C-alpha atoms as a PDB file:
ATOM      1  CA  UNK A   1       0.470   0.254  -0.171  1.00  0.00           C
ATOM      2  CA  UNK A   2       2.826   2.319   0.396  1.00  0.00           C
ATOM      3  CA  UNK A   3       4.700   1.476  -1.734  1.00  0.00           C
ATOM      4  CA  UNK A   4       1.512   2.057  -4.416  1.00  0.00           C
ATOM      5  CA  UNK A   5       1.507   5.931  -2.805  1.00  0.00           C
ATOM      6  CA  UNK A   6       4.771   6.336  -3.182  1.00  0.00           C
ATOM      7  CA  UNK A   7       4.420   5.811  -7.022  1.00  0.00           C
ATOM      8  CA  UNK A   8       1.049   7.578  -7.676  1.00  0.00           C
ATOM      9  CA  UNK A   9       2.827  10.988  -6.011  1.00  0.00           C
ATOM     10  CA  UNK A  10       5.434  11.317  -7.620  1.00  0.00           C
ATOM     11  CA  UNK A  11       2.796  10.686 -10.730  1.00  0.00           C
ATOM     12  CA  UNK A  12       0.586  12.819 -10.851  1.00  0.00           C
ATOM     13  CA  UNK A  13       3.777  15.542 -10.087  1.00  0.00           C
ATOM     14  CA  UNK A  14       4.872  14.897 -13.422  1.00  0.00           C
ATOM     15  CA  UNK A  15       0.785  14.282 -15.290  1.00  0.00           C
ATOM     16  CA  UNK A  16       0.254  18.353 -13.787  1.00  0.00           C
ATOM     17  CA  UNK A  17       3.844  19.664 -15.298  1.00  0.00           C
ATOM     18  CA  UNK A  18       3.807  17.936 -18.403  1.00  0.00           C
ATOM     19  CA  UNK A  19       0.262  19.351 -18.409  1.00  0.00           C
ATOM     20  CA  UNK A  20       1.341  22.236 -17.439  1.00  0.00           C
ATOM     21  CA  UNK A  21       3.703  23.109 -20.212  1.00  0.00           C
ATOM     22  CA  UNK A  22       0.848  23.795 -22.753  1.00  0.00           C
ATOM     23  CA  UNK A  23      -1.473  25.689 -20.497  1.00  0.00           C
ATOM     24  CA  UNK A  24       2.114  28.929 -20.620  1.00  0.00           C
ATOM     25  CA  UNK A  25       1.036  27.860 -24.664  1.00  0.00           C
ATOM     26  CA  UNK A  26      -2.416  29.039 -24.789  1.00  0.00           C
ATOM     27  CA  UNK A  27      -1.945  31.969 -21.927  1.00  0.00           C
ATOM     28  CA  UNK A  28       1.508  33.299 -24.051  1.00  0.00           C
ATOM     29  CA  UNK A  29       0.963  32.867 -27.312  1.00  0.00           C
ATOM     30  CA  UNK A  30      -3.757  32.616 -27.836  1.00  0.00           C
ATOM     31  CA  UNK A  31      -5.088  31.884 -31.233  1.00  0.00           C
ATOM     32  CA  UNK A  32      -7.757  33.330 -32.365  1.00  0.00           C
ATOM     33  CA  UNK A  33     -10.406  30.232 -32.373  1.00  0.00           C
ATOM     34  CA  UNK A  34      -9.465  29.125 -28.971  1.00  0.00           C
ATOM     35  CA  UNK A  35     -10.316  33.106 -28.139  1.00  0.00           C
ATOM     36  CA  UNK A  36     -13.814  32.514 -30.206  1.00  0.00           C
ATOM     37  CA  UNK A  37     -14.224  29.097 -28.989  1.00  0.00           C
ATOM     38  CA  UNK A  38     -13.847  30.917 -25.137  1.00  0.00           C
ATOM     39  CA  UNK A  39     -16.297  33.724 -25.788  1.00  0.00           C
ATOM     40  CA  UNK A  40     -19.777  34.045 -26.457  1.00  0.00           C
ATOM     41  CA  UNK A  41     -21.848  36.490 -28.637  1.00  0.00           C
ATOM     42  CA  UNK A  42     -23.562  39.731 -25.738  1.00  0.00           C
ATOM     43  CA  UNK A  43     -26.401  39.791 -28.976  1.00  0.00           C
ATOM     44  CA  UNK A  44     -27.397  36.323 -29.660  1.00  0.00           C
ATOM     45  CA  UNK A  45     -25.992  34.425 -26.831  1.00  0.00           C
ATOM     46  CA  UNK A  46     -23.671  32.003 -28.949  1.00  0.00           C
ATOM     47  CA  UNK A  47     -19.823  31.206 -29.331  1.00  0.00           C
ATOM     48  CA  UNK A  48     -17.986  33.844 -31.478  1.00  0.00           C
ATOM     49  CA  UNK A  49     -16.975  31.015 -33.571  1.00  0.00           C
ATOM     50  CA  UNK A  50     -20.691  30.571 -33.804  1.00  0.00           C
ATOM     51  CA  UNK A  51     -21.732  34.153 -34.708  1.00  0.00           C
ATOM     52  CA  UNK A  52     -22.001  36.410 -37.101  1.00  0.00           C
ATOM     53  CA  UNK A  53     -23.311  39.061 -35.387  1.00  0.00           C
ATOM     54  CA  UNK A  54     -22.093  42.410 -35.792  1.00  0.00           C
ATOM     55  CA  UNK A  55     -20.849  42.793 -32.482  1.00  0.00           C
ATOM     56  CA  UNK A  56     -19.368  39.144 -32.689  1.00  0.00           C
ATOM     57  CA  UNK A  57     -17.367  40.778 -35.923  1.00  0.00           C
ATOM     58  CA  UNK A  58     -16.240  44.164 -34.031  1.00  0.00           C
ATOM     59  CA  UNK A  59     -15.522  41.396 -31.010  1.00  0.00           C
ATOM     60  CA  UNK A  60     -13.233  38.568 -33.356  1.00  0.00           C
ATOM     61  CA  UNK A  61     -11.473  41.599 -34.897  1.00  0.00           C
ATOM     62  CA  UNK A  62     -10.165  42.900 -31.774  1.00  0.00           C
ATOM     63  CA  UNK A  63      -8.636  40.055 -30.687  1.00  0.00           C
ATOM     64  CA  UNK A  64      -7.149  39.810 -34.109  1.00  0.00           C
ATOM     65  CA  UNK A  65      -5.391  43.148 -33.823  1.00  0.00           C
ATOM     66  CA  UNK A  66      -4.899  41.987 -30.175  1.00  0.00           C
ATOM     67  CA  UNK A  67      -2.967  39.081 -30.445  1.00  0.00           C
ATOM     68  CA  UNK A  68      -1.082  41.332 -33.507  1.00  0.00           C
ATOM     69  CA  UNK A  69       0.062  43.281 -31.097  1.00  0.00           C
ATOM     70  CA  UNK A  70       1.589  40.292 -29.293  1.00  0.00           C
ATOM     71  CA  UNK A  71      -0.702  39.773 -25.807  1.00  0.00           C
ATOM     72  CA  UNK A  72      -1.661  36.853 -23.705  1.00  0.00           C
ATOM     73  CA  UNK A  73      -5.329  35.954 -23.789  1.00  0.00           C
ATOM     74  CA  UNK A  74      -5.210  37.502 -20.063  1.00  0.00           C
ATOM     75  CA  UNK A  75      -5.182  40.747 -20.826  1.00  0.00           C
ATOM     76  CA  UNK A  76      -7.265  40.231 -24.311  1.00  0.00           C
ATOM     77  CA  UNK A  77      -9.902  38.610 -22.037  1.00  0.00           C
ATOM     78  CA  UNK A  78      -9.486  41.599 -19.479  1.00  0.00           C
ATOM     79  CA  UNK A  79      -9.347  44.461 -22.371  1.00  0.00           C
ATOM     80  CA  UNK A  80     -13.144  42.700 -23.551  1.00  0.00           C
ATOM     81  CA  UNK A  81     -14.054  42.503 -20.541  1.00  0.00           C
ATOM     82  CA  UNK A  82     -13.618  45.962 -18.714  1.00  0.00           C
ATOM     83  CA  UNK A  83     -11.724  48.919 -19.972  1.00  0.00           C
ATOM     84  CA  UNK A  84     -11.806  49.768 -22.625  1.00  0.00           C
ATOM     85  CA  UNK A  85     -14.248  47.282 -24.082  1.00  0.00           C
ATOM     86  CA  UNK A  86     -16.801  47.102 -21.600  1.00  0.00           C
ATOM     87  CA  UNK A  87     -18.983  44.430 -22.968  1.00  0.00           C
ATOM     88  CA  UNK A  88     -18.505  42.526 -19.117  1.00  0.00           C
ATOM     89  CA  UNK A  89     -18.853  39.168 -17.974  1.00  0.00           C
ATOM     90  CA  UNK A  90     -21.259  38.262 -20.144  1.00  0.00           C
ATOM     91  CA  UNK A  91     -19.211  37.360 -22.968  1.00  0.00           C
ATOM     92  CA  UNK A  92     -17.236  34.809 -21.385  1.00  0.00           C
ATOM     93  CA  UNK A  93     -17.967  31.457 -22.076  1.00  0.00           C
ATOM     94  CA  UNK A  94     -16.236  29.452 -19.012  1.00  0.00           C
ATOM     95  CA  UNK A  95     -16.087  30.630 -15.939  1.00  0.00           C
ATOM     96  CA  UNK A  96     -13.595  32.748 -14.149  1.00  0.00           C
ATOM     97  CA  UNK A  97     -10.716  30.398 -11.797  1.00  0.00           C
ATOM     98  CA  UNK A  98     -10.227  32.909  -9.149  1.00  0.00           C
ATOM     99  CA  UNK A  99     -12.770  34.176  -6.221  1.00  0.00           C
ATOM    100  CA  UNK A 100     -16.622  33.419  -6.676  1.00  0.00           C
ATOM    101  CA  UNK A 101     -16.788  31.792 -10.048  1.00  0.00           C
ATOM    102  CA  UNK A 102     -13.705  28.986  -8.397  1.00  0.00           C
ATOM    103  CA  UNK A 103     -17.073  27.369  -7.395  1.00  0.00           C
ATOM    104  CA  UNK A 104     -17.916  26.712 -10.984  1.00  0.00           C
ATOM    105  CA  UNK A 105     -15.211  24.314 -11.363  1.00  0.00           C
ATOM    106  CA  UNK A 106     -14.565  23.232  -7.973  1.00  0.00           C
ATOM    107  CA  UNK A 107     -17.945  21.736  -6.820  1.00  0.00           C
ATOM    108  CA  UNK A 108     -18.760  19.362  -9.833  1.00  0.00           C
ATOM    109  CA  UNK A 109     -15.333  17.992  -8.052  1.00  0.00           C
ATOM    110  CA  UNK A 110     -15.892  17.971  -5.068  1.00  0.00           C
ATOM    111  CA  UNK A 111     -19.219  15.941  -5.279  1.00  0.00           C
ATOM    112  CA  UNK A 112     -17.754  13.733  -8.151  1.00  0.00           C
ATOM    113  CA  UNK A 113     -15.444  12.682  -5.022  1.00  0.00           C
ATOM    114  CA  UNK A 114     -17.668  12.482  -2.494  1.00  0.00           C
ATOM    115  CA  UNK A 115     -20.003  10.137  -4.263  1.00  0.00           C
ATOM    116  CA  UNK A 116     -16.971   7.932  -5.146  1.00  0.00           C
ATOM    117  CA  UNK A 117     -16.686   7.808  -0.973  1.00  0.00           C
ATOM    118  CA  UNK A 118     -20.333   7.705  -0.455  1.00  0.00           C
ATOM    119  CA  UNK A 119     -20.037   4.830  -3.625  1.00  0.00           C
ATOM    120  CA  UNK A 120     -16.751   3.101  -1.927  1.00  0.00           C
ATOM    121  CA  UNK A 121     -18.281   3.091   1.730  1.00  0.00           C
ATOM    122  CA  UNK A 122     -21.733   1.838   0.384  1.00  0.00           C
ATOM    123  CA  UNK A 123     -18.845  -0.491  -1.365  1.00  0.00           C
ATOM    124  CA  UNK A 124     -17.370  -2.062   1.999  1.00  0.00           C
ATOM    125  CA  UNK A 125     -20.869  -1.919   4.272  1.00  0.00           C
ATOM    126  CA  UNK A 126     -22.432  -4.089   2.452  1.00  0.00           C
ATOM    127  CA  UNK A 127     -19.619  -6.459   1.904  1.00  0.00           C
ATOM    128  CA  UNK A 128     -19.446  -6.702   5.412  1.00  0.00           C
ATOM    129  CA  UNK A 129     -23.032  -6.682   6.480  1.00  0.00           C
ATOM    130  CA  UNK A 130     -23.155 -10.006   3.383  1.00  0.00           C
ATOM    131  CA  UNK A 131     -20.538 -11.086   4.993  1.00  0.00           C
ATOM    132  CA  UNK A 132     -21.942 -11.148   9.090  1.00  0.00           C
ATOM    133  CA  UNK A 133     -25.619 -12.413   7.287  1.00  0.00           C
ATOM    134  CA  UNK A 134     -23.266 -15.355   5.997  1.00  0.00           C
ATOM    135  CA  UNK A 135     -21.810 -16.559   8.440  1.00  0.00           C
ATOM    136  CA  UNK A 136     -24.980 -16.911   9.830  1.00  0.00           C
ATOM    137  CA  UNK A 137     -27.100 -18.735   8.224  1.00  0.00           C
ATOM    138  CA  UNK A 138     -24.450 -21.513   7.916  1.00  0.00           C
ATOM    139  CA  UNK A 139     -24.432 -22.524  11.528  1.00  0.00           C
ATOM    140  CA  UNK A 140     -28.002 -23.807  10.928  1.00  0.00           C
ATOM    141  CA  UNK A 141     -29.641 -21.055  13.433  1.00  0.00           C
ATOM    142  CA  UNK A 142     -33.115 -21.974  14.632  1.00  0.00           C
ATOM    143  CA  UNK A 143     -34.877 -25.867  13.748  1.00  0.00           C
ATOM    144  CA  UNK A 144     -37.978 -25.183  11.093  1.00  0.00           C
ATOM    145  CA  UNK A 145     -40.729 -26.667  12.300  1.00  0.00           C
ATOM    146  CA  UNK A 146     -41.626 -30.088  11.428  1.00  0.00           C
ATOM    147  CA  UNK A 147     -44.577 -30.330   9.621  1.00  0.00           C
ATOM    148  CA  UNK A 148     -42.153 -27.167   7.314  1.00  0.00           C
ATOM    149  CA  UNK A 149     -39.481 -29.698   6.773  1.00  0.00           C
ATOM    150  CA  UNK A 150     -41.552 -32.098   5.839  1.00  0.00           C
ATOM    151  CA  UNK A 151     -43.825 -29.978   3.042  1.00  0.00           C
ATOM    152  CA  UNK A 152     -40.112 -28.044   1.952  1.00  0.00           C
ATOM    153  CA  UNK A 153     -38.788 -32.600   1.436  1.00  0.00           C
ATOM    154  CA  UNK A 154     -41.798 -33.470  -0.255  1.00  0.00           C
ATOM    155  CA  UNK A 155     -40.953 -31.172  -2.715  1.00  0.00           C
ATOM    156  CA  UNK A 156     -37.118 -31.617  -3.193  1.00  0.00           C
ATOM    157  CA  UNK A 157     -38.404 -35.314  -3.377  1.00  0.00           C
ATOM    158  CA  UNK A 158     -40.073 -34.211  -6.294  1.00  0.00           C
ATOM    159  CA  UNK A 159     -37.991 -32.143  -8.643  1.00  0.00           C
ATOM    160  CA  UNK A 160     -35.541 -34.819  -8.270  1.00  0.00           C
ATOM    161  CA  UNK A 161     -37.802 -37.314  -9.689  1.00  0.00           C
END
C-alpha cells in the first residue's frame, strides 16, 4: 500500500508538469480560434466562432488586433470584459478560475469525490454485512417447524424425480 502511494505521488507531479506547459503556451500565445470558442456574443448568446452578428465581428477584429500586438490571452479577455470595451462578464463562455466563480469548477469535482467516497463506503458496508449474514445462515439458525420441514422434503423429492 505504501509502495503504491509512493509511486502515485511522483506520477501525479509529472502529469501536472506535463499539462502545465501547453496551458502556459496557450496563455502566452493565444490563437484566434481558441479565444473565439471561449467567448460569447452578447447579442445572440452563442460562441464567437458560431456567430456572425455585427458585435461578434467587432469582437473578432479586436481579438485579431490584440493577438497581432502580442497580448496574452488574459489581457485580451480582460480588455473585452473591462475597459476599453466594457462588455462585462456575460461575454465569458467559461467561468473565471478565481474568486466566487472558482466554485463552478470546484463543486462538480467535489460532488464526484463525495459520490466516490459514498459509493466505496456503501460497497464496503454491504460486503461486511453480507459476510456476517452468510455466517449466520451456515450456522444452522433455529430449527424448522416439523410440518414445514416435511413439505420442503416433499418438494425436493418431487424435483429430484
